[in-house]
Amino acid sequence: MVIKVIGTGCEKCARLYQNVQQAVTELGVDAEIRKVEDLVEMVQLGVMSAPSLMIDGKLAVSGRVPSVKALTEILEAQGRR
């Protein structure tokens, strides 16, 4: 699973990254977590609001910071697909 935390490095972006790391650890899933802070790459991905979360190339969260619990539910749902 490839997870991209997309944002410009703001406080909310950093919090989303930390929450994603914690959710992945709690679930014990094999995931590569990447930060995407480059504006050109963000536009290429089609993301216009930050922070956003992309899982395996699909936008899962946009413009908000879900809790760790919400992220575990999102990740579990993605893993079942």
N, C-alpha and C. Protein backbone atom coordinates (compact mmCIF):
# COMPACT_ATOMS: atom_id res chain seq x y z
N MET A 1 0.85 -1.16 0.00
CA MET A 1 0.00 0.00 0.00
C MET A 1 0.91 1.24 0.00
N VAL A 2 0.60 2.18 -0.87
CA VAL A 2 1.35 3.44 -0.93
C VAL A 2 0.41 4.56 -0.48
N ILE A 3 0.83 5.24 0.57
CA ILE A 3 0.02 6.32 1.14
C ILE A 3 0.78 7.62 0.95
N LYS A 4 0.10 8.61 0.38
CA LYS A 4 0.70 9.92 0.19
C LYS A 4 -0.05 10.94 1.03
N VAL A 5 0.69 11.63 1.88
CA VAL A 5 0.14 12.74 2.65
C VAL A 5 0.53 14.00 1.88
N ILE A 6 -0.48 14.70 1.40
CA ILE A 6 -0.25 15.79 0.46
C ILE A 6 -0.56 17.13 1.13
N GLY A 7 0.43 18.02 1.09
CA GLY A 7 0.26 19.35 1.67
C GLY A 7 1.56 20.11 1.62
N THR A 8 1.49 21.36 2.01
CA THR A 8 2.64 22.25 1.88
C THR A 8 3.55 22.26 3.09
N GLY A 9 3.34 21.37 4.02
CA GLY A 9 4.17 21.31 5.21
C GLY A 9 3.60 22.09 6.38
N CYS A 10 2.33 22.45 6.29
CA CYS A 10 1.68 23.21 7.36
C CYS A 10 1.47 22.33 8.59
N GLU A 11 0.99 22.94 9.66
CA GLU A 11 0.76 22.20 10.91
C GLU A 11 -0.26 21.08 10.72
N LYS A 12 -1.35 21.35 9.99
CA LYS A 12 -2.35 20.32 9.75
C LYS A 12 -1.78 19.17 8.93
N CYS A 13 -0.93 19.50 7.97
CA CYS A 13 -0.30 18.46 7.14
C CYS A 13 0.59 17.56 8.00
N ALA A 14 1.34 18.17 8.89
CA ALA A 14 2.21 17.41 9.79
C ALA A 14 1.38 16.53 10.72
N ARG A 15 0.26 17.05 11.20
CA ARG A 15 -0.60 16.25 12.08
C ARG A 15 -1.21 15.07 11.33
N LEU A 16 -1.61 15.30 10.08
CA LEU A 16 -2.16 14.20 9.28
C LEU A 16 -1.09 13.12 9.08
N TYR A 17 0.14 13.54 8.79
CA TYR A 17 1.23 12.58 8.60
C TYR A 17 1.43 11.74 9.86
N GLN A 18 1.45 12.40 11.03
CA GLN A 18 1.61 11.68 12.29
C GLN A 18 0.45 10.72 12.54
N ASN A 19 -0.77 11.18 12.27
CA ASN A 19 -1.94 10.31 12.47
C ASN A 19 -1.90 9.10 11.55
N VAL A 20 -1.46 9.30 10.31
CA VAL A 20 -1.34 8.19 9.37
C VAL A 20 -0.30 7.19 9.87
N GLN A 21 0.84 7.69 10.32
CA GLN A 21 1.88 6.79 10.84
C GLN A 21 1.34 5.96 12.01
N GLN A 22 0.62 6.61 12.91
CA GLN A 22 0.07 5.90 14.07
C GLN A 22 -0.97 4.86 13.63
N ALA A 23 -1.84 5.23 12.69
CA ALA A 23 -2.86 4.29 12.22
C ALA A 23 -2.23 3.08 11.55
N VAL A 24 -1.21 3.30 10.73
CA VAL A 24 -0.52 2.20 10.06
C VAL A 24 0.13 1.28 11.09
N THR A 25 0.76 1.88 12.10
CA THR A 25 1.39 1.09 13.16
C THR A 25 0.36 0.27 13.92
N GLU A 26 -0.77 0.90 14.27
CA GLU A 26 -1.82 0.18 15.02
C GLU A 26 -2.37 -0.99 14.23
N LEU A 27 -2.53 -0.80 12.92
CA LEU A 27 -3.09 -1.87 12.08
C LEU A 27 -2.05 -2.91 11.71
N GLY A 28 -0.78 -2.54 11.76
CA GLY A 28 0.28 -3.46 11.38
C GLY A 28 0.30 -3.75 9.89
N VAL A 29 -0.16 -2.80 9.08
CA VAL A 29 -0.17 -3.00 7.63
C VAL A 29 1.17 -2.63 7.03
N ASP A 30 1.47 -3.23 5.90
CA ASP A 30 2.69 -2.94 5.17
C ASP A 30 2.38 -1.77 4.24
N ALA A 31 2.92 -0.60 4.59
CA ALA A 31 2.61 0.59 3.80
C ALA A 31 3.84 1.48 3.67
N GLU A 32 3.95 2.10 2.52
CA GLU A 32 4.97 3.12 2.29
C GLU A 32 4.25 4.46 2.44
N ILE A 33 4.71 5.28 3.39
CA ILE A 33 4.08 6.59 3.63
C ILE A 33 5.01 7.66 3.09
N ARG A 34 4.49 8.47 2.18
CA ARG A 34 5.29 9.54 1.56
C ARG A 34 4.63 10.89 1.80
N LYS A 35 5.47 11.90 2.02
CA LYS A 35 4.99 13.27 2.07
C LYS A 35 5.14 13.86 0.67
N VAL A 36 4.12 14.54 0.22
CA VAL A 36 4.18 15.25 -1.05
C VAL A 36 3.97 16.73 -0.73
N GLU A 37 5.06 17.50 -0.81
CA GLU A 37 5.00 18.92 -0.48
C GLU A 37 5.26 19.81 -1.69
N ASP A 38 5.65 19.23 -2.80
CA ASP A 38 5.95 19.98 -4.02
C ASP A 38 4.66 20.39 -4.71
N LEU A 39 4.49 21.69 -4.93
CA LEU A 39 3.24 22.19 -5.54
C LEU A 39 2.98 21.61 -6.92
N VAL A 40 4.02 21.46 -7.71
CA VAL A 40 3.86 20.91 -9.07
C VAL A 40 3.35 19.47 -8.98
N GLU A 41 3.93 18.68 -8.09
CA GLU A 41 3.49 17.29 -7.93
C GLU A 41 2.05 17.23 -7.41
N MET A 42 1.70 18.16 -6.51
CA MET A 42 0.33 18.20 -5.99
C MET A 42 -0.66 18.45 -7.13
N VAL A 43 -0.34 19.39 -7.99
CA VAL A 43 -1.22 19.69 -9.13
C VAL A 43 -1.30 18.49 -10.07
N GLN A 44 -0.16 17.84 -10.31
CA GLN A 44 -0.15 16.66 -11.18
C GLN A 44 -1.03 15.54 -10.62
N LEU A 45 -1.11 15.46 -9.31
CA LEU A 45 -1.95 14.45 -8.66
C LEU A 45 -3.42 14.86 -8.68
N GLY A 46 -3.69 16.12 -9.02
CA GLY A 46 -5.06 16.60 -9.08
C GLY A 46 -5.61 17.04 -7.74
N VAL A 47 -4.72 17.32 -6.80
CA VAL A 47 -5.13 17.72 -5.46
C VAL A 47 -5.08 19.23 -5.35
N MET A 48 -6.21 19.82 -4.93
CA MET A 48 -6.29 21.27 -4.85
C MET A 48 -6.46 21.79 -3.43
N SER A 49 -6.67 20.92 -2.45
CA SER A 49 -6.79 21.39 -1.08
C SER A 49 -5.90 20.54 -0.18
N ALA A 50 -5.38 21.20 0.85
CA ALA A 50 -4.47 20.52 1.76
C ALA A 50 -5.01 20.64 3.18
N PRO A 51 -4.73 19.68 4.00
CA PRO A 51 -4.03 18.46 3.68
C PRO A 51 -4.95 17.45 2.99
N SER A 52 -4.35 16.57 2.23
CA SER A 52 -5.09 15.50 1.57
C SER A 52 -4.34 14.19 1.75
N LEU A 53 -5.07 13.11 1.54
CA LEU A 53 -4.50 11.77 1.70
C LEU A 53 -4.87 10.94 0.49
N MET A 54 -3.87 10.33 -0.11
CA MET A 54 -4.08 9.48 -1.27
C MET A 54 -3.58 8.08 -0.92
N ILE A 55 -4.41 7.09 -1.20
CA ILE A 55 -4.05 5.70 -0.92
C ILE A 55 -4.08 4.94 -2.23
N ASP A 56 -2.93 4.40 -2.61
CA ASP A 56 -2.80 3.64 -3.86
C ASP A 56 -3.38 4.41 -5.05
N GLY A 57 -3.08 5.71 -5.09
CA GLY A 57 -3.47 6.53 -6.23
C GLY A 57 -4.88 7.07 -6.20
N LYS A 58 -5.62 6.78 -5.12
CA LYS A 58 -7.01 7.26 -5.01
C LYS A 58 -7.12 8.23 -3.85
N LEU A 59 -7.76 9.37 -4.09
CA LEU A 59 -7.94 10.38 -3.06
C LEU A 59 -8.91 9.84 -2.00
N ALA A 60 -8.45 9.81 -0.75
CA ALA A 60 -9.27 9.27 0.34
C ALA A 60 -9.76 10.36 1.29
N VAL A 61 -8.97 11.42 1.44
CA VAL A 61 -9.30 12.52 2.34
C VAL A 61 -8.83 13.81 1.70
N SER A 62 -9.64 14.86 1.83
CA SER A 62 -9.25 16.14 1.25
C SER A 62 -9.69 17.29 2.15
N GLY A 63 -8.73 18.14 2.51
CA GLY A 63 -9.04 19.36 3.24
C GLY A 63 -9.35 19.21 4.72
N ARG A 64 -8.98 18.07 5.31
CA ARG A 64 -9.24 17.88 6.74
C ARG A 64 -8.23 16.91 7.34
N VAL A 65 -8.22 16.84 8.66
CA VAL A 65 -7.32 15.94 9.37
C VAL A 65 -8.18 14.95 10.17
N PRO A 66 -8.38 13.75 9.64
CA PRO A 66 -9.16 12.75 10.37
C PRO A 66 -8.39 12.25 11.60
N SER A 67 -9.13 11.78 12.58
CA SER A 67 -8.51 11.18 13.77
C SER A 67 -7.81 9.88 13.39
N VAL A 68 -7.00 9.39 14.30
CA VAL A 68 -6.32 8.10 14.07
C VAL A 68 -7.37 7.01 13.89
N LYS A 69 -8.42 7.04 14.70
CA LYS A 69 -9.49 6.02 14.60
C LYS A 69 -10.14 6.07 13.22
N ALA A 70 -10.46 7.27 12.74
CA ALA A 70 -11.06 7.40 11.41
C ALA A 70 -10.11 6.91 10.33
N LEU A 71 -8.84 7.20 10.49
CA LEU A 71 -7.85 6.74 9.50
C LEU A 71 -7.72 5.22 9.50
N THR A 72 -7.79 4.59 10.67
CA THR A 72 -7.71 3.12 10.69
C THR A 72 -8.89 2.53 9.93
N GLU A 73 -10.07 3.16 10.08
CA GLU A 73 -11.25 2.67 9.35
C GLU A 73 -11.07 2.87 7.84
N ILE A 74 -10.53 4.00 7.44
CA ILE A 74 -10.28 4.26 6.01
C ILE A 74 -9.28 3.26 5.46
N LEU A 75 -8.21 3.03 6.19
CA LEU A 75 -7.17 2.09 5.74
C LEU A 75 -7.69 0.65 5.68
N GLU A 76 -8.50 0.28 6.67
CA GLU A 76 -9.08 -1.07 6.65
C GLU A 76 -10.00 -1.23 5.44
N ALA A 77 -10.78 -0.23 5.15
CA ALA A 77 -11.68 -0.29 4.00
C ALA A 77 -10.89 -0.38 2.69
N GLN A 78 -9.80 0.35 2.59
CA GLN A 78 -8.96 0.31 1.39
C GLN A 78 -8.31 -1.08 1.24
N GLY A 79 -7.95 -1.68 2.36
CA GLY A 79 -7.31 -2.99 2.33
C GLY A 79 -8.24 -4.09 1.87
N ARG A 80 -9.54 -3.90 2.03
CA ARG A 80 -10.51 -4.91 1.63
C ARG A 80 -10.83 -4.86 0.15
N ARG A 81 -10.45 -3.78 -0.51
CA ARG A 81 -10.79 -3.63 -1.93
C ARG A 81 -9.88 -4.42 -2.80
